[in-house]
Amino acid sequence: MNIFLVCLEAVLPVFLTMLLGCAARYMGIMGEKDVSRFNAVNFKTFMPLMLFESIYSSDLETAVNPALIAFSVVAVLLMIAGSLAFVLLTEKEDAKRGVMIQGLYRSNFVLVGIPVADALMQGGDISVVAVQLAVVVPIFNVAAVIILEGFGGKKPSLGHLLLDVAKNPLIISSALGLLLLVLDIRLPSILSTVVEDMANVAGPLALFTLGAFFRIGSFGKYKKELFAVCTGRLIVIPGIFLTAGFLLGFRGAEFSGIMALFSSCSAIASYIMAEQMGGDAELAGNIVICTSFLCSFSMYLWAVLFMSLGAF
């Protein structure tokens, strides 16, 4: 019951913040152009700082687990490849393809997964999860840029694609955070405080603009796509990779990190990136909303199952 309440507490603020955004739209405070403008600001300013902070604040010296990192990297690459293959076989529209692939592989590791991992360990040390996050987030970001660019209708050359990846603010901030972490370069305390404060804006702002953007009638329009992504994100992917992690012997904090990575809902950032990079933003927003609601129940069931098997 405690795990279910933690799942619920991790997800409920998501809906309340979106509800505020929805109310702002109906009150005339936020218009369609305002949503795009706020998303652009978030994508270029607050989200890069959030990713930088999450990586930069990790502790490499005390929390490096080579086996967990290797498993996470290989599993994430397999998850991306599997999502790509499935969507290419089942969806014909490029604008939807990029969004669905991102919705399948890109989990909300930071905002939903980490609190659940912490709850599973009941206050124990989850620093290995923070380092796992520092490694996985750049892979998520690079893959998202390549996929959204590739299905954006522009059909860019390899050189153009690599240039777009290199210029992406999320890629730059992740690389910078990892560089400073590896070189053990510490920011001045004043600057660090500013970065942390601004990083905290990214999640709430993304949810607020998603609420302002959301149209309830669009659920029926995308029911086939939503069913496919929700099933894959919350049932198929966790079933494969949680089982693999368990059979390979990961336990305790290590397994809580695997659960956070593979069983949480689709990342809020996937909606922002789709809106900014020419994907089907309406579908991306609906994926975030549906998986966020359903993962309270699915994560609870996965946690109970693997707790009964002695994973924690």
Protein backbone atom coordinates (compact mmCIF):
# COMPACT_ATOMS: atom_id res chain seq x y z
CA MET A 1 0.00 0.00 0.00
CA ASN A 2 2.88 2.33 0.81
CA ILE A 3 4.38 1.77 -2.67
CA PHE A 4 1.03 2.52 -4.31
CA LEU A 5 0.72 5.77 -2.35
CA VAL A 6 4.23 6.78 -3.39
CA CYS A 7 3.38 6.08 -7.04
CA LEU A 8 0.23 8.14 -6.65
CA GLU A 9 2.06 10.97 -4.90
CA ALA A 10 4.64 11.03 -7.69
CA VAL A 11 1.97 11.26 -10.39
CA LEU A 12 -0.79 13.37 -8.77
CA PRO A 13 1.18 16.66 -8.87
CA VAL A 14 1.60 16.06 -12.61
CA PHE A 15 -2.17 16.23 -13.12
CA LEU A 16 -2.74 19.13 -10.74
CA THR A 17 -0.13 21.23 -12.56
CA MET A 18 -1.64 20.33 -15.93
CA LEU A 19 -5.06 21.26 -14.53
CA LEU A 20 -3.75 24.74 -13.71
CA GLY A 21 -2.53 25.10 -17.29
CA CYS A 22 -5.90 23.97 -18.60
CA ALA A 23 -7.65 26.50 -16.34
CA ALA A 24 -5.33 29.25 -17.58
CA ARG A 25 -6.34 28.48 -21.17
CA TYR A 26 -10.08 28.56 -20.40
CA MET A 27 -9.64 31.82 -18.47
CA GLY A 28 -7.92 33.40 -21.47
CA ILE A 29 -4.56 33.77 -19.72
CA MET A 30 -2.78 31.33 -22.06
CA GLY A 31 -3.39 31.20 -25.80
CA GLU A 32 -2.06 28.81 -28.46
CA LYS A 33 0.77 31.16 -29.40
CA ASP A 34 1.69 31.55 -25.74
CA VAL A 35 2.05 27.77 -25.40
CA SER A 36 4.52 27.61 -28.30
CA ARG A 37 6.45 30.58 -26.93
CA PHE A 38 6.70 29.12 -23.42
CA ASN A 39 7.69 25.72 -24.84
CA ALA A 40 10.48 27.35 -26.84
CA VAL A 41 11.78 29.13 -23.72
CA ASN A 42 11.63 25.89 -21.73
CA PHE A 43 13.33 23.87 -24.46
CA LYS A 44 16.19 26.33 -24.84
CA THR A 45 16.65 27.47 -21.23
CA PHE A 46 15.12 25.58 -18.32
CA MET A 47 15.21 21.99 -19.66
CA PRO A 48 18.92 22.16 -20.55
CA LEU A 49 19.64 23.44 -17.05
CA MET A 50 17.55 20.64 -15.54
CA LEU A 51 19.52 18.00 -17.44
CA PHE A 52 22.82 19.68 -16.63
CA GLU A 53 21.95 19.81 -12.92
CA SER A 54 20.77 16.19 -12.74
CA ILE A 55 24.03 14.95 -14.28
CA TYR A 56 26.40 17.44 -12.63
CA SER A 57 25.06 16.69 -9.14
CA SER A 58 25.69 12.94 -9.42
CA ASP A 59 28.52 11.33 -7.43
CA LEU A 60 30.70 9.24 -9.72
CA GLU A 61 33.25 8.23 -7.08
CA THR A 62 30.88 6.50 -4.67
CA ALA A 63 28.11 5.31 -6.93
CA VAL A 64 29.63 3.87 -10.11
CA ASN A 65 28.30 0.37 -10.74
CA PRO A 66 29.81 -0.85 -14.04
CA ALA A 67 27.47 -3.84 -14.32
CA LEU A 68 24.34 -1.71 -13.82
CA ILE A 69 25.59 0.96 -16.24
CA ALA A 70 26.45 -1.62 -18.89
CA PHE A 71 23.06 -3.32 -18.52
CA SER A 72 21.22 0.03 -18.68
CA VAL A 73 23.05 1.20 -21.80
CA VAL A 74 22.57 -2.07 -23.69
CA ALA A 75 18.93 -2.37 -22.59
CA VAL A 76 18.14 1.24 -23.55
CA LEU A 77 19.68 0.76 -27.01
CA LEU A 78 17.68 -2.46 -27.47
CA MET A 79 14.54 -0.66 -26.28
CA ILE A 80 15.08 2.15 -28.80
CA ALA A 81 15.72 -0.34 -31.62
CA GLY A 82 12.66 -2.38 -30.70
CA SER A 83 10.45 0.73 -30.49
CA LEU A 84 11.72 1.88 -33.88
CA ALA A 85 11.04 -1.48 -35.51
CA PHE A 86 7.55 -1.78 -34.00
CA VAL A 87 6.45 1.72 -35.02
CA LEU A 88 7.85 1.41 -38.55
CA LEU A 89 5.77 -1.73 -39.00
CA THR A 90 2.53 -0.36 -37.51
CA GLU A 91 2.40 3.38 -38.31
CA LYS A 92 2.62 5.10 -41.71
CA GLU A 93 2.63 8.83 -40.79
CA ASP A 94 6.10 10.21 -40.09
CA ALA A 95 4.86 12.92 -37.70
CA LYS A 96 3.30 10.20 -35.54
CA ARG A 97 6.19 7.77 -35.93
CA GLY A 98 8.78 9.95 -34.21
CA VAL A 99 6.41 10.77 -31.37
CA MET A 100 5.38 7.15 -30.80
CA ILE A 101 8.96 5.90 -30.78
CA GLN A 102 9.90 8.55 -28.25
CA GLY A 103 6.82 7.78 -26.15
CA LEU A 104 7.76 4.10 -26.04
CA TYR A 105 11.43 4.29 -25.10
CA ARG A 106 11.80 7.60 -23.26
CA SER A 107 10.67 7.12 -19.67
CA ASN A 108 10.09 9.80 -17.04
CA PHE A 109 13.13 8.59 -15.13
CA VAL A 110 13.71 11.88 -13.30
CA LEU A 111 10.30 13.14 -12.15
CA VAL A 112 8.48 9.85 -11.54
CA GLY A 113 11.04 7.03 -11.57
CA ILE A 114 13.48 8.43 -9.00
CA PRO A 115 10.85 9.06 -6.24
CA VAL A 116 9.55 5.53 -6.71
CA ALA A 117 13.09 4.09 -6.57
CA ASP A 118 13.71 6.01 -3.35
CA ALA A 119 10.47 4.67 -1.85
CA LEU A 120 11.32 1.11 -2.79
CA MET A 121 14.60 1.43 -0.90
CA GLN A 122 12.81 3.10 2.07
CA GLY A 123 15.36 5.86 2.48
CA GLY A 124 18.38 3.72 1.55
CA ASP A 125 21.27 4.86 -0.63
CA ILE A 126 20.22 5.20 -4.27
CA SER A 127 23.32 7.06 -5.49
CA VAL A 128 23.84 4.28 -8.05
CA VAL A 129 20.54 5.37 -9.58
CA ALA A 130 21.80 8.96 -9.91
CA VAL A 131 24.86 7.81 -11.87
CA GLN A 132 22.65 5.51 -13.95
CA LEU A 133 20.58 8.62 -14.72
CA ALA A 134 23.69 10.58 -15.73
CA VAL A 135 24.55 7.90 -18.30
CA VAL A 136 21.08 7.20 -19.67
CA VAL A 137 19.75 10.76 -20.06
CA PRO A 138 22.27 11.75 -22.79
CA ILE A 139 21.37 8.58 -24.73
CA PHE A 140 17.67 9.47 -24.45
CA ASN A 141 18.35 12.99 -25.69
CA VAL A 142 20.58 12.08 -28.63
CA ALA A 143 18.14 9.38 -29.77
CA ALA A 144 15.18 11.78 -29.49
CA VAL A 145 16.87 14.43 -31.62
CA ILE A 146 17.88 11.92 -34.29
CA ILE A 147 14.44 10.27 -34.38
CA LEU A 148 12.43 13.50 -34.45
CA GLU A 149 14.71 15.01 -37.07
CA GLY A 150 14.61 11.84 -39.13
CA PHE A 151 10.81 11.72 -39.16
CA GLY A 152 10.34 15.48 -39.40
CA GLY A 153 9.64 15.45 -43.13
CA LYS A 154 12.86 17.28 -44.04
CA LYS A 155 14.90 14.13 -44.85
CA PRO A 156 18.17 15.79 -43.86
CA SER A 157 21.58 14.50 -44.88
CA LEU A 158 23.78 12.72 -42.35
CA GLY A 159 25.93 15.82 -41.97
CA HIS A 160 22.89 18.02 -41.37
CA LEU A 161 21.49 15.53 -38.88
CA LEU A 162 24.76 15.38 -36.92
CA LEU A 163 24.91 19.18 -36.90
CA ASP A 164 21.37 19.40 -35.53
CA VAL A 165 22.26 16.91 -32.81
CA ALA A 166 25.39 18.89 -31.91
CA LYS A 167 23.41 22.16 -31.74
CA ASN A 168 20.55 20.80 -29.67
CA PRO A 169 20.53 22.56 -26.26
CA LEU A 170 19.64 19.35 -24.43
CA ILE A 171 22.62 17.54 -25.95
CA ILE A 172 24.97 20.43 -25.19
CA SER A 173 23.85 20.72 -21.57
CA SER A 174 24.07 16.94 -20.97
CA ALA A 175 27.57 16.81 -22.46
CA LEU A 176 28.68 19.81 -20.40
CA GLY A 177 27.28 18.34 -17.19
CA LEU A 178 29.02 15.02 -17.85
CA LEU A 179 32.30 16.78 -18.68
CA LEU A 180 32.30 18.82 -15.47
CA LEU A 181 31.34 15.71 -13.50
CA VAL A 182 34.17 13.60 -14.95
CA LEU A 183 36.74 16.41 -14.54
CA ASP A 184 35.43 17.13 -11.02
CA ILE A 185 34.99 20.84 -11.75
CA ARG A 186 32.73 22.49 -9.19
CA LEU A 187 30.69 25.61 -9.93
CA PRO A 188 30.82 28.55 -7.49
CA SER A 189 28.06 28.19 -4.89
CA ILE A 190 26.20 31.28 -6.11
CA LEU A 191 26.14 30.05 -9.70
CA SER A 192 25.22 26.54 -8.57
CA THR A 193 22.23 27.92 -6.66
CA VAL A 194 21.01 29.84 -9.70
CA VAL A 195 21.35 26.76 -11.92
CA GLU A 196 19.46 24.61 -9.41
CA ASP A 197 16.65 27.17 -9.02
CA MET A 198 16.20 27.56 -12.77
CA ALA A 199 16.40 23.80 -13.32
CA ASN A 200 13.44 23.39 -10.96
CA VAL A 201 11.30 25.47 -13.34
CA ALA A 202 11.52 23.00 -16.25
CA GLY A 203 9.17 20.23 -15.04
CA PRO A 204 6.32 22.41 -13.71
CA LEU A 205 6.47 24.72 -16.74
CA ALA A 206 6.33 21.76 -19.16
CA LEU A 207 3.28 20.36 -17.34
CA PHE A 208 1.60 23.76 -17.18
CA THR A 209 1.96 24.36 -20.93
CA LEU A 210 0.87 20.78 -21.64
CA GLY A 211 -2.35 21.45 -19.71
CA ALA A 212 -2.90 24.66 -21.68
CA PHE A 213 -2.28 22.78 -24.94
CA PHE A 214 -4.43 19.72 -24.16
CA ARG A 215 -7.79 19.15 -25.89
CA ILE A 216 -9.87 16.37 -24.34
CA GLY A 217 -11.57 15.48 -27.61
CA SER A 218 -8.27 14.34 -29.11
CA PHE A 219 -8.17 11.08 -27.12
CA GLY A 220 -10.61 9.39 -29.52
CA LYS A 221 -8.62 10.65 -32.49
CA TYR A 222 -5.51 8.81 -31.32
CA LYS A 223 -6.99 5.78 -29.56
CA LYS A 224 -5.06 3.23 -31.66
CA GLU A 225 -1.74 4.99 -31.15
CA LEU A 226 -2.36 5.56 -27.44
CA PHE A 227 -3.26 1.92 -26.85
CA ALA A 228 -0.08 0.78 -28.59
CA VAL A 229 2.23 3.16 -26.73
CA CYS A 230 0.62 2.67 -23.30
CA THR A 231 0.78 -1.11 -23.66
CA GLY A 232 4.38 -1.02 -24.82
CA ARG A 233 5.60 1.59 -22.33
CA LEU A 234 3.90 0.20 -19.21
CA ILE A 235 3.57 -3.55 -19.83
CA VAL A 236 5.79 -4.94 -22.60
CA ILE A 237 8.98 -2.96 -21.96
CA PRO A 238 8.94 -3.40 -18.16
CA GLY A 239 8.06 -7.08 -18.57
CA ILE A 240 11.12 -7.67 -20.75
CA PHE A 241 13.76 -5.56 -19.00
CA LEU A 242 12.70 -5.99 -15.37
CA THR A 243 12.73 -9.74 -15.90
CA ALA A 244 16.14 -9.55 -17.58
CA GLY A 245 17.56 -7.44 -14.75
CA PHE A 246 16.19 -9.78 -12.12
CA LEU A 247 17.55 -12.89 -13.85
CA LEU A 248 20.97 -11.24 -14.18
CA GLY A 249 21.07 -10.86 -10.40
CA PHE A 250 20.43 -7.15 -9.81
CA ARG A 251 18.89 -6.55 -6.40
CA GLY A 252 18.15 -3.71 -3.98
CA ALA A 253 19.13 -0.22 -5.13
CA GLU A 254 20.34 -1.61 -8.46
CA PHE A 255 16.95 -3.14 -9.23
CA SER A 256 15.12 -0.01 -8.03
CA GLY A 257 17.07 1.92 -10.67
CA ILE A 258 16.08 -0.58 -13.35
CA MET A 259 12.44 -0.25 -12.28
CA ALA A 260 12.66 3.56 -12.35
CA LEU A 261 14.13 3.47 -15.84
CA PHE A 262 11.94 0.89 -17.53
CA SER A 263 8.53 1.02 -15.83
CA SER A 264 7.80 4.75 -15.40
CA CYS A 265 5.57 6.78 -17.72
CA SER A 266 6.65 8.61 -20.89
CA ALA A 267 8.84 11.66 -20.27
CA ILE A 268 7.29 15.11 -20.17
CA ALA A 269 10.24 16.32 -22.25
CA SER A 270 8.99 14.18 -25.15
CA TYR A 271 6.01 16.52 -25.58
CA ILE A 272 8.20 19.66 -25.56
CA MET A 273 10.63 18.20 -28.09
CA ALA A 274 7.84 17.04 -30.38
CA GLU A 275 6.23 20.49 -30.30
CA GLN A 276 9.53 22.21 -31.04
CA MET A 277 10.84 19.79 -33.67
CA GLY A 278 7.84 19.23 -35.93
CA GLY A 279 6.35 16.04 -34.47
CA ASP A 280 2.67 15.47 -33.71
CA ALA A 281 2.60 17.48 -30.47
CA GLU A 282 -1.05 16.66 -29.77
CA LEU A 283 -0.31 12.93 -29.83
CA ALA A 284 2.84 13.46 -27.74
CA GLY A 285 0.84 15.33 -25.10
CA ASN A 286 -1.82 12.63 -24.96
CA ILE A 287 0.86 9.96 -24.56
CA VAL A 288 2.33 11.79 -21.56
CA ILE A 289 -1.10 12.21 -19.97
CA CYS A 290 -2.26 8.61 -20.50
CA THR A 291 0.95 6.92 -19.43
CA SER A 292 1.27 9.24 -16.40
CA PHE A 293 -2.21 8.27 -15.21
CA LEU A 294 -1.83 4.55 -15.82
CA CYS A 295 1.69 4.14 -14.43
CA SER A 296 0.47 4.69 -10.87
CA PHE A 297 -1.19 1.29 -11.16
CA SER A 298 1.29 -0.49 -13.43
CA MET A 299 4.37 0.51 -11.38
CA TYR A 300 2.60 -0.61 -8.23
CA LEU A 301 1.88 -4.03 -9.73
CA TRP A 302 5.44 -4.45 -11.00
CA ALA A 303 6.82 -3.40 -7.59
CA VAL A 304 4.61 -5.86 -5.72
CA LEU A 305 5.52 -8.69 -8.12
CA PHE A 306 9.27 -8.24 -7.81
CA MET A 307 9.15 -7.53 -4.08
CA SER A 308 7.48 -10.91 -3.66
CA LEU A 309 10.39 -12.44 -5.62
CA GLY A 310 12.96 -10.80 -3.34
CA ALA A 311 14.26 -8.08 -5.67
CA PHE A 312 14.25 -5.46 -2.88
